[in-house]
């Protein structure tokens, strides 16, 4: 855990520009071509599940979660971003826990993501079984992960994962 004066709080509308700059620093311009980005393209994050990390007034981390569907509703987590100069201090884990706790409290059933399995395993994520869900682009199957938040939710989804776009 970090010894910094870290504050985890819900994302606010005024954070959007700082979050966009953080994503650019952490992921670069190629982030828009990744399948993980395409899973959430055109959707709006669910503000009640999005959190930021601040050291003083400096935004050093962010987690976003958006709605998706695959025969049933689910969540797509991402991106989880920590400023490269603040990595390895527990900030990402604190953001993840805040978001997952809020999703459980909100009655959500299932969350998927594309990410590093050894990192996300500590939160309970496991690889999606082959053939169960498909993504809108190529992804290493060992990096396509899911977490059941409510018992029985895994049985409610299958097929193509697509972002739920606002009407």
N, C-alpha and C. Protein backbone atom coordinates (compact mmCIF):
# COMPACT_ATOMS: atom_id res chain seq x y z
N UNK A 1 0.84 -1.18 0.00
CA UNK A 1 0.00 0.00 0.00
C UNK A 1 0.89 1.24 0.00
N UNK A 2 0.31 2.32 -0.41
CA UNK A 2 1.06 3.56 -0.53
C UNK A 2 1.17 4.29 0.82
N UNK A 3 2.27 4.99 1.01
CA UNK A 3 2.41 5.85 2.19
C UNK A 3 2.10 7.30 1.82
N UNK A 4 1.68 7.50 0.60
CA UNK A 4 1.32 8.83 0.13
C UNK A 4 -0.01 9.26 0.75
N UNK A 5 -0.28 10.58 0.81
CA UNK A 5 -1.59 11.04 1.27
C UNK A 5 -2.62 10.83 0.15
N UNK A 6 -2.99 9.59 -0.05
CA UNK A 6 -3.84 9.19 -1.16
C UNK A 6 -5.32 9.31 -0.80
N UNK A 7 -6.10 9.84 -1.73
CA UNK A 7 -7.55 9.94 -1.56
C UNK A 7 -8.19 9.23 -2.75
N UNK A 8 -9.03 8.24 -2.46
CA UNK A 8 -9.84 7.58 -3.49
C UNK A 8 -11.23 8.17 -3.36
N UNK A 9 -11.75 8.69 -4.48
CA UNK A 9 -13.08 9.29 -4.44
C UNK A 9 -13.79 9.03 -5.75
N UNK A 10 -15.12 9.16 -5.76
CA UNK A 10 -15.86 9.00 -7.02
C UNK A 10 -15.38 10.01 -8.06
N UNK A 11 -15.39 9.57 -9.30
CA UNK A 11 -15.04 10.48 -10.40
C UNK A 11 -16.06 11.61 -10.45
N UNK A 12 -15.55 12.81 -10.77
CA UNK A 12 -16.41 13.99 -10.90
C UNK A 12 -16.33 14.51 -12.33
N UNK A 13 -17.36 15.26 -12.78
CA UNK A 13 -17.32 15.79 -14.15
C UNK A 13 -16.07 16.61 -14.44
N UNK A 14 -15.56 17.34 -13.46
CA UNK A 14 -14.36 18.15 -13.66
C UNK A 14 -13.08 17.35 -13.81
N UNK A 15 -13.15 16.03 -13.63
CA UNK A 15 -11.96 15.17 -13.74
C UNK A 15 -11.68 14.72 -15.17
N UNK A 16 -12.61 14.89 -16.07
CA UNK A 16 -12.53 14.28 -17.40
C UNK A 16 -11.25 14.67 -18.13
N UNK A 17 -10.88 15.94 -18.17
CA UNK A 17 -9.67 16.35 -18.89
C UNK A 17 -8.41 15.73 -18.27
N UNK A 18 -8.34 15.71 -16.94
CA UNK A 18 -7.18 15.12 -16.27
C UNK A 18 -7.11 13.61 -16.53
N UNK A 19 -8.27 12.94 -16.57
CA UNK A 19 -8.30 11.50 -16.86
C UNK A 19 -7.85 11.25 -18.29
N UNK A 20 -8.30 12.07 -19.23
CA UNK A 20 -7.87 11.92 -20.63
C UNK A 20 -6.35 12.08 -20.75
N UNK A 21 -5.78 13.06 -20.05
CA UNK A 21 -4.31 13.24 -20.08
C UNK A 21 -3.60 12.05 -19.44
N UNK A 22 -4.17 11.52 -18.36
CA UNK A 22 -3.60 10.35 -17.71
C UNK A 22 -3.60 9.15 -18.65
N UNK A 23 -4.69 8.92 -19.35
CA UNK A 23 -4.76 7.82 -20.32
C UNK A 23 -3.73 8.00 -21.43
N UNK A 24 -3.57 9.22 -21.91
CA UNK A 24 -2.58 9.48 -22.96
C UNK A 24 -1.16 9.19 -22.47
N UNK A 25 -0.84 9.60 -21.24
CA UNK A 25 0.50 9.33 -20.68
C UNK A 25 0.74 7.84 -20.48
N UNK A 26 -0.26 7.16 -19.97
CA UNK A 26 -0.09 5.75 -19.62
C UNK A 26 -0.16 4.81 -20.82
N UNK A 27 -1.02 5.10 -21.79
CA UNK A 27 -1.27 4.15 -22.87
C UNK A 27 -0.86 4.63 -24.26
N UNK A 28 -0.66 5.93 -24.43
CA UNK A 28 -0.25 6.45 -25.72
C UNK A 28 -1.38 6.46 -26.74
N UNK A 29 -1.05 6.91 -27.97
CA UNK A 29 -2.09 7.04 -28.99
C UNK A 29 -2.63 5.71 -29.50
N UNK A 30 -1.90 4.62 -29.34
CA UNK A 30 -2.37 3.33 -29.83
C UNK A 30 -3.51 2.74 -29.04
N UNK A 31 -3.88 3.38 -27.93
CA UNK A 31 -4.93 2.83 -27.07
C UNK A 31 -6.27 2.71 -27.78
N UNK A 32 -6.53 3.55 -28.75
CA UNK A 32 -7.82 3.54 -29.42
C UNK A 32 -8.00 2.35 -30.35
N UNK A 33 -6.90 1.72 -30.76
CA UNK A 33 -6.97 0.57 -31.67
C UNK A 33 -7.11 -0.76 -30.94
N UNK A 34 -6.92 -0.78 -29.65
CA UNK A 34 -6.96 -2.03 -28.89
C UNK A 34 -8.39 -2.54 -28.73
N UNK A 35 -8.52 -3.86 -28.69
CA UNK A 35 -9.83 -4.48 -28.49
C UNK A 35 -10.44 -4.03 -27.17
N UNK A 36 -9.63 -3.87 -26.13
CA UNK A 36 -10.16 -3.42 -24.84
C UNK A 36 -10.89 -2.09 -24.98
N UNK A 37 -10.34 -1.19 -25.79
CA UNK A 37 -11.01 0.09 -26.02
C UNK A 37 -12.31 -0.12 -26.80
N UNK A 38 -12.27 -1.01 -27.78
CA UNK A 38 -13.45 -1.25 -28.62
C UNK A 38 -14.60 -1.86 -27.83
N UNK A 39 -14.31 -2.55 -26.73
CA UNK A 39 -15.37 -3.10 -25.88
C UNK A 39 -16.22 -2.00 -25.26
N UNK A 40 -15.65 -0.81 -25.10
CA UNK A 40 -16.38 0.29 -24.45
C UNK A 40 -16.60 1.49 -25.37
N UNK A 41 -16.23 1.36 -26.61
CA UNK A 41 -16.34 2.46 -27.57
C UNK A 41 -17.80 2.89 -27.74
N UNK A 42 -18.02 4.19 -27.63
CA UNK A 42 -19.35 4.75 -27.86
C UNK A 42 -20.27 4.69 -26.66
N UNK A 43 -19.81 4.16 -25.56
CA UNK A 43 -20.64 4.11 -24.37
C UNK A 43 -20.17 5.13 -23.35
N UNK A 44 -21.00 5.43 -22.42
CA UNK A 44 -20.63 6.34 -21.34
C UNK A 44 -20.32 5.53 -20.09
N UNK A 45 -19.27 5.89 -19.37
CA UNK A 45 -18.98 5.19 -18.12
C UNK A 45 -20.14 5.35 -17.13
N UNK A 46 -20.32 4.34 -16.31
CA UNK A 46 -21.32 4.40 -15.24
C UNK A 46 -20.70 5.15 -14.08
N UNK A 47 -21.07 6.40 -13.90
CA UNK A 47 -20.37 7.27 -12.95
C UNK A 47 -20.35 6.71 -11.53
N UNK A 48 -21.36 5.95 -11.16
CA UNK A 48 -21.40 5.42 -9.80
C UNK A 48 -20.36 4.32 -9.56
N UNK A 49 -19.71 3.86 -10.63
CA UNK A 49 -18.70 2.80 -10.53
C UNK A 49 -17.30 3.29 -10.89
N UNK A 50 -17.16 4.58 -11.20
CA UNK A 50 -15.88 5.15 -11.63
C UNK A 50 -15.26 5.94 -10.47
N UNK A 51 -13.96 5.73 -10.27
CA UNK A 51 -13.26 6.35 -9.15
C UNK A 51 -11.94 6.94 -9.61
N UNK A 52 -11.47 7.91 -8.84
CA UNK A 52 -10.17 8.53 -9.11
C UNK A 52 -9.32 8.45 -7.84
N UNK A 53 -8.02 8.55 -8.07
CA UNK A 53 -7.05 8.59 -6.97
C UNK A 53 -6.31 9.92 -7.06
N UNK A 54 -6.21 10.60 -5.94
CA UNK A 54 -5.52 11.88 -5.90
C UNK A 54 -4.45 11.88 -4.82
N UNK A 55 -3.34 12.50 -5.15
CA UNK A 55 -2.31 12.83 -4.18
C UNK A 55 -2.30 14.35 -4.15
N UNK A 56 -2.77 14.92 -3.06
CA UNK A 56 -3.00 16.36 -3.03
C UNK A 56 -4.10 16.67 -4.03
N UNK A 57 -3.81 17.58 -4.95
CA UNK A 57 -4.79 17.92 -6.00
C UNK A 57 -4.43 17.25 -7.32
N UNK A 58 -3.38 16.42 -7.33
CA UNK A 58 -2.91 15.77 -8.55
C UNK A 58 -3.61 14.43 -8.75
N UNK A 59 -4.32 14.29 -9.87
CA UNK A 59 -5.01 13.05 -10.19
C UNK A 59 -3.96 12.04 -10.68
N UNK A 60 -3.79 10.95 -9.91
CA UNK A 60 -2.74 9.97 -10.22
C UNK A 60 -3.31 8.63 -10.68
N UNK A 61 -4.63 8.47 -10.62
CA UNK A 61 -5.22 7.20 -11.04
C UNK A 61 -6.70 7.32 -11.31
N UNK A 62 -7.18 6.36 -12.09
CA UNK A 62 -8.59 6.36 -12.47
C UNK A 62 -9.00 4.94 -12.84
N UNK A 63 -10.24 4.61 -12.51
CA UNK A 63 -10.84 3.37 -13.00
C UNK A 63 -12.22 3.74 -13.53
N UNK A 64 -12.52 3.18 -14.68
CA UNK A 64 -13.82 3.41 -15.29
C UNK A 64 -14.49 2.07 -15.58
N UNK A 65 -15.81 2.09 -15.56
CA UNK A 65 -16.62 0.91 -15.82
C UNK A 65 -17.79 1.34 -16.68
N UNK A 66 -18.07 0.56 -17.71
CA UNK A 66 -19.19 0.87 -18.59
C UNK A 66 -20.10 -0.32 -18.78
N UNK A 67 -21.29 -0.07 -19.29
CA UNK A 67 -22.25 -1.15 -19.53
C UNK A 67 -21.99 -1.85 -20.86
N UNK A 68 -22.25 -3.15 -20.88
CA UNK A 68 -22.14 -3.94 -22.10
C UNK A 68 -23.21 -5.02 -22.07
N UNK A 69 -23.29 -5.74 -23.18
CA UNK A 69 -24.24 -6.85 -23.25
C UNK A 69 -23.63 -7.99 -24.03
N UNK A 70 -24.09 -9.17 -23.71
CA UNK A 70 -23.71 -10.40 -24.43
C UNK A 70 -24.82 -11.40 -24.13
N UNK A 71 -25.98 -11.17 -24.71
CA UNK A 71 -27.14 -11.98 -24.40
C UNK A 71 -27.78 -11.57 -23.09
N UNK A 72 -27.08 -10.82 -22.29
CA UNK A 72 -27.53 -10.28 -21.02
C UNK A 72 -26.61 -9.13 -20.66
N UNK A 73 -26.95 -8.40 -19.63
CA UNK A 73 -26.15 -7.24 -19.24
C UNK A 73 -24.93 -7.65 -18.43
N UNK A 74 -23.86 -6.91 -18.62
CA UNK A 74 -22.63 -7.08 -17.86
C UNK A 74 -21.89 -5.76 -17.83
N UNK A 75 -20.81 -5.72 -17.10
CA UNK A 75 -19.97 -4.53 -17.01
C UNK A 75 -18.65 -4.79 -17.70
N UNK A 76 -18.07 -3.74 -18.28
CA UNK A 76 -16.71 -3.81 -18.82
C UNK A 76 -15.87 -2.84 -18.00
N UNK A 77 -14.87 -3.39 -17.32
CA UNK A 77 -13.99 -2.58 -16.50
C UNK A 77 -12.82 -2.11 -17.34
N UNK A 78 -12.56 -0.84 -17.28
CA UNK A 78 -11.39 -0.32 -17.95
C UNK A 78 -11.66 1.03 -18.59
N UNK A 79 -10.63 1.76 -18.70
CA UNK A 79 -9.30 1.39 -18.25
C UNK A 79 -9.08 1.65 -16.76
N UNK A 80 -8.21 0.84 -16.19
CA UNK A 80 -7.65 1.09 -14.87
C UNK A 80 -6.29 1.71 -15.15
N UNK A 81 -6.10 2.94 -14.71
CA UNK A 81 -4.90 3.69 -15.06
C UNK A 81 -4.27 4.30 -13.83
N UNK A 82 -2.96 4.16 -13.74
CA UNK A 82 -2.19 4.82 -12.70
C UNK A 82 -1.05 5.56 -13.39
N UNK A 83 -0.84 6.80 -13.00
CA UNK A 83 0.27 7.58 -13.55
C UNK A 83 1.55 6.77 -13.42
N UNK A 84 2.31 6.62 -14.51
CA UNK A 84 3.52 5.79 -14.46
C UNK A 84 4.48 6.15 -13.32
N UNK A 85 4.54 7.40 -12.91
CA UNK A 85 5.44 7.78 -11.82
C UNK A 85 4.88 7.41 -10.44
N UNK A 86 3.66 6.88 -10.38
CA UNK A 86 3.05 6.48 -9.11
C UNK A 86 2.73 4.99 -9.06
N UNK A 87 3.25 4.21 -10.01
CA UNK A 87 2.98 2.78 -10.03
C UNK A 87 3.64 2.06 -8.86
N UNK A 88 3.15 0.85 -8.59
CA UNK A 88 3.71 -0.04 -7.55
C UNK A 88 3.52 0.50 -6.14
N UNK A 89 2.45 1.26 -5.93
CA UNK A 89 2.19 1.83 -4.61
C UNK A 89 0.80 1.46 -4.08
N UNK A 90 0.14 0.53 -4.75
CA UNK A 90 -1.18 0.09 -4.29
C UNK A 90 -2.34 0.92 -4.77
N UNK A 91 -2.07 1.90 -5.61
CA UNK A 91 -3.13 2.80 -6.08
C UNK A 91 -4.13 2.06 -6.97
N UNK A 92 -3.62 1.27 -7.91
CA UNK A 92 -4.51 0.51 -8.79
C UNK A 92 -5.39 -0.44 -8.01
N UNK A 93 -4.82 -1.12 -7.03
CA UNK A 93 -5.60 -2.04 -6.20
C UNK A 93 -6.69 -1.33 -5.41
N UNK A 94 -6.37 -0.15 -4.89
CA UNK A 94 -7.36 0.63 -4.15
C UNK A 94 -8.51 1.07 -5.06
N UNK A 95 -8.18 1.49 -6.28
CA UNK A 95 -9.21 1.88 -7.25
C UNK A 95 -10.08 0.68 -7.62
N UNK A 96 -9.44 -0.46 -7.90
CA UNK A 96 -10.19 -1.67 -8.26
C UNK A 96 -11.17 -2.04 -7.16
N UNK A 97 -10.68 -2.07 -5.92
CA UNK A 97 -11.54 -2.49 -4.82
C UNK A 97 -12.73 -1.55 -4.65
N UNK A 98 -12.49 -0.25 -4.79
CA UNK A 98 -13.59 0.71 -4.68
C UNK A 98 -14.64 0.47 -5.75
N UNK A 99 -14.19 0.23 -6.97
CA UNK A 99 -15.11 0.02 -8.08
C UNK A 99 -15.88 -1.29 -7.94
N UNK A 100 -15.19 -2.36 -7.60
CA UNK A 100 -15.85 -3.66 -7.44
C UNK A 100 -16.84 -3.64 -6.27
N UNK A 101 -16.47 -2.98 -5.18
CA UNK A 101 -17.38 -2.86 -4.04
C UNK A 101 -18.65 -2.10 -4.44
N UNK A 102 -18.49 -1.03 -5.22
CA UNK A 102 -19.64 -0.24 -5.67
C UNK A 102 -20.51 -1.07 -6.62
N UNK A 103 -19.89 -1.86 -7.49
CA UNK A 103 -20.66 -2.70 -8.42
C UNK A 103 -21.47 -3.75 -7.66
N UNK A 104 -20.85 -4.37 -6.68
CA UNK A 104 -21.59 -5.36 -5.87
C UNK A 104 -22.75 -4.69 -5.12
N UNK A 105 -22.46 -3.55 -4.51
CA UNK A 105 -23.49 -2.83 -3.76
C UNK A 105 -24.63 -2.39 -4.68
N UNK A 106 -24.32 -2.12 -5.95
CA UNK A 106 -25.33 -1.71 -6.91
C UNK A 106 -26.09 -2.86 -7.54
N UNK A 107 -25.78 -4.09 -7.13
CA UNK A 107 -26.51 -5.25 -7.63
C UNK A 107 -26.06 -5.77 -8.97
N UNK A 108 -24.93 -5.31 -9.47
CA UNK A 108 -24.44 -5.80 -10.76
C UNK A 108 -23.96 -7.24 -10.62
N UNK A 109 -24.06 -8.00 -11.72
CA UNK A 109 -23.78 -9.42 -11.64
C UNK A 109 -22.44 -9.87 -12.16
N UNK A 110 -21.90 -9.21 -13.18
CA UNK A 110 -20.73 -9.73 -13.87
C UNK A 110 -19.91 -8.59 -14.45
N UNK A 111 -18.59 -8.72 -14.37
CA UNK A 111 -17.69 -7.74 -14.97
C UNK A 111 -16.63 -8.48 -15.78
N UNK A 112 -16.33 -7.94 -16.96
CA UNK A 112 -15.27 -8.48 -17.81
C UNK A 112 -14.22 -7.40 -18.03
N UNK A 113 -13.03 -7.85 -18.41
CA UNK A 113 -11.96 -6.92 -18.77
C UNK A 113 -10.93 -7.64 -19.61
N UNK A 114 -10.08 -6.87 -20.24
CA UNK A 114 -8.91 -7.39 -20.93
C UNK A 114 -7.72 -6.87 -20.15
N UNK A 115 -6.94 -7.78 -19.58
CA UNK A 115 -5.82 -7.34 -18.76
C UNK A 115 -4.91 -8.48 -18.35
N UNK A 116 -3.96 -8.14 -17.53
CA UNK A 116 -2.93 -9.04 -17.06
C UNK A 116 -3.50 -9.98 -15.98
N UNK A 117 -3.67 -11.26 -16.32
CA UNK A 117 -4.30 -12.21 -15.40
C UNK A 117 -3.61 -12.28 -14.04
N UNK A 118 -2.28 -12.31 -13.94
CA UNK A 118 -1.67 -12.37 -12.61
C UNK A 118 -2.04 -11.17 -11.73
N UNK A 119 -2.20 -10.00 -12.32
CA UNK A 119 -2.60 -8.82 -11.54
C UNK A 119 -4.05 -8.94 -11.08
N UNK A 120 -4.95 -9.25 -12.00
CA UNK A 120 -6.38 -9.23 -11.69
C UNK A 120 -6.85 -10.47 -10.93
N UNK A 121 -6.06 -11.52 -10.91
CA UNK A 121 -6.43 -12.74 -10.18
C UNK A 121 -6.68 -12.44 -8.70
N UNK A 122 -5.92 -11.53 -8.12
CA UNK A 122 -6.09 -11.24 -6.69
C UNK A 122 -7.45 -10.63 -6.36
N UNK A 123 -8.15 -10.14 -7.36
CA UNK A 123 -9.50 -9.61 -7.17
C UNK A 123 -10.56 -10.66 -7.48
N UNK A 124 -10.13 -11.84 -7.94
CA UNK A 124 -11.05 -12.93 -8.24
C UNK A 124 -11.32 -13.16 -9.71
N UNK A 125 -10.69 -12.39 -10.58
CA UNK A 125 -10.90 -12.56 -12.02
C UNK A 125 -10.25 -13.85 -12.51
N UNK A 126 -10.92 -14.52 -13.44
CA UNK A 126 -10.40 -15.73 -14.08
C UNK A 126 -10.66 -15.60 -15.59
N UNK A 127 -9.91 -16.37 -16.40
CA UNK A 127 -10.15 -16.31 -17.84
C UNK A 127 -11.58 -16.74 -18.21
N UNK A 128 -12.14 -16.05 -19.18
CA UNK A 128 -13.44 -16.44 -19.73
C UNK A 128 -13.23 -17.78 -20.45
N UNK A 129 -14.06 -18.77 -20.20
CA UNK A 129 -13.89 -20.05 -20.89
C UNK A 129 -13.98 -19.88 -22.41
N UNK A 130 -13.13 -20.60 -23.14
CA UNK A 130 -13.13 -20.49 -24.60
C UNK A 130 -14.52 -20.72 -25.19
N UNK A 131 -14.89 -19.86 -26.13
CA UNK A 131 -16.16 -19.98 -26.83
C UNK A 131 -17.36 -19.40 -26.09
N UNK A 132 -17.19 -18.98 -24.87
CA UNK A 132 -18.32 -18.47 -24.09
C UNK A 132 -18.71 -17.05 -24.49
N UNK A 133 -17.72 -16.16 -24.58
CA UNK A 133 -17.93 -14.78 -25.00
C UNK A 133 -16.93 -14.46 -26.10
N UNK A 134 -17.32 -13.59 -26.99
CA UNK A 134 -16.38 -13.16 -28.02
C UNK A 134 -16.27 -11.63 -28.00
N UNK A 135 -15.10 -11.16 -28.39
CA UNK A 135 -14.80 -9.73 -28.36
C UNK A 135 -14.87 -9.16 -29.76
N UNK A 136 -14.97 -7.83 -29.89
CA UNK A 136 -15.06 -7.19 -31.20
C UNK A 136 -13.72 -7.08 -31.92
N UNK A 137 -12.76 -7.84 -31.51
CA UNK A 137 -11.44 -7.84 -32.13
C UNK A 137 -10.59 -8.90 -31.46
N UNK A 138 -9.38 -9.07 -31.96
CA UNK A 138 -8.52 -10.11 -31.40
C UNK A 138 -8.07 -9.78 -29.97
N UNK A 139 -8.00 -10.82 -29.16
CA UNK A 139 -7.51 -10.67 -27.80
C UNK A 139 -6.89 -12.00 -27.38
N UNK A 140 -5.81 -11.93 -26.65
CA UNK A 140 -5.19 -13.13 -26.09
C UNK A 140 -6.18 -13.73 -25.11
N UNK A 141 -6.61 -14.98 -25.31
CA UNK A 141 -7.62 -15.56 -24.42
C UNK A 141 -7.22 -15.56 -22.95
N UNK A 142 -5.94 -15.60 -22.65
CA UNK A 142 -5.51 -15.59 -21.25
C UNK A 142 -5.67 -14.22 -20.61
N UNK A 143 -5.94 -13.19 -21.43
CA UNK A 143 -6.12 -11.82 -20.93
C UNK A 143 -7.59 -11.38 -20.91
N UNK A 144 -8.47 -12.21 -21.44
CA UNK A 144 -9.91 -11.90 -21.42
C UNK A 144 -10.48 -12.55 -20.17
N UNK A 145 -10.81 -11.71 -19.18
CA UNK A 145 -11.13 -12.18 -17.83
C UNK A 145 -12.53 -11.76 -17.41
N UNK A 146 -13.09 -12.53 -16.46
CA UNK A 146 -14.38 -12.15 -15.89
C UNK A 146 -14.41 -12.44 -14.41
N UNK A 147 -15.36 -11.76 -13.75
CA UNK A 147 -15.58 -11.93 -12.32
C UNK A 147 -17.07 -11.90 -12.07
N UNK A 148 -17.56 -12.96 -11.44
CA UNK A 148 -18.97 -13.03 -11.07
C UNK A 148 -19.15 -12.27 -9.76
N UNK A 149 -19.98 -11.24 -9.78
CA UNK A 149 -20.26 -10.43 -8.60
C UNK A 149 -21.47 -10.93 -7.84
N UNK A 150 -22.36 -11.60 -8.55
CA UNK A 150 -23.60 -12.13 -7.96
C UNK A 150 -23.77 -13.55 -8.47
N UNK A 151 -23.98 -14.47 -7.56
CA UNK A 151 -24.10 -15.88 -7.93
C UNK A 151 -25.16 -16.07 -9.01
N UNK A 152 -24.80 -16.86 -10.02
CA UNK A 152 -25.70 -17.15 -11.13
C UNK A 152 -25.55 -16.22 -12.31
N UNK A 153 -24.81 -15.12 -12.16
CA UNK A 153 -24.69 -14.13 -13.24
C UNK A 153 -23.95 -14.70 -14.46
N UNK A 154 -23.03 -15.62 -14.24
CA UNK A 154 -22.30 -16.20 -15.37
C UNK A 154 -23.24 -16.91 -16.34
N UNK A 155 -24.34 -17.43 -15.82
CA UNK A 155 -25.29 -18.17 -16.64
C UNK A 155 -26.16 -17.27 -17.51
N UNK A 156 -26.07 -15.96 -17.32
CA UNK A 156 -26.97 -15.04 -18.03
C UNK A 156 -26.35 -14.45 -19.29
N UNK A 157 -25.07 -14.77 -19.56
CA UNK A 157 -24.41 -14.16 -20.72
C UNK A 157 -23.73 -15.20 -21.60
N UNK A 158 -23.69 -14.89 -22.89
CA UNK A 158 -22.94 -15.66 -23.87
C UNK A 158 -22.98 -14.90 -25.18
N UNK A 159 -22.02 -15.20 -26.06
CA UNK A 159 -22.01 -14.58 -27.38
C UNK A 159 -21.11 -13.37 -27.47
N UNK A 160 -21.45 -12.47 -28.37
CA UNK A 160 -20.65 -11.28 -28.65
C UNK A 160 -20.84 -10.21 -27.58
N UNK A 161 -19.71 -9.71 -27.05
CA UNK A 161 -19.76 -8.61 -26.10
C UNK A 161 -19.79 -7.31 -26.89
N UNK A 162 -20.76 -6.46 -26.59
CA UNK A 162 -20.82 -5.15 -27.24
C UNK A 162 -21.22 -4.10 -26.22
N UNK A 163 -20.67 -2.91 -26.40
CA UNK A 163 -20.96 -1.79 -25.51
C UNK A 163 -22.44 -1.41 -25.63
N UNK A 164 -23.02 -1.01 -24.53
CA UNK A 164 -24.38 -0.48 -24.52
C UNK A 164 -24.25 1.03 -24.71
N UNK A 165 -24.72 1.51 -25.84
CA UNK A 165 -24.58 2.91 -26.17
C UNK A 165 -25.79 3.70 -25.70
N UNK A 166 -25.55 4.95 -25.30
CA UNK A 166 -26.69 5.78 -24.84
C UNK A 166 -27.65 6.05 -25.98
N UNK A 167 -28.91 6.22 -25.61
CA UNK A 167 -29.96 6.47 -26.64
C UNK A 167 -30.20 7.94 -26.77
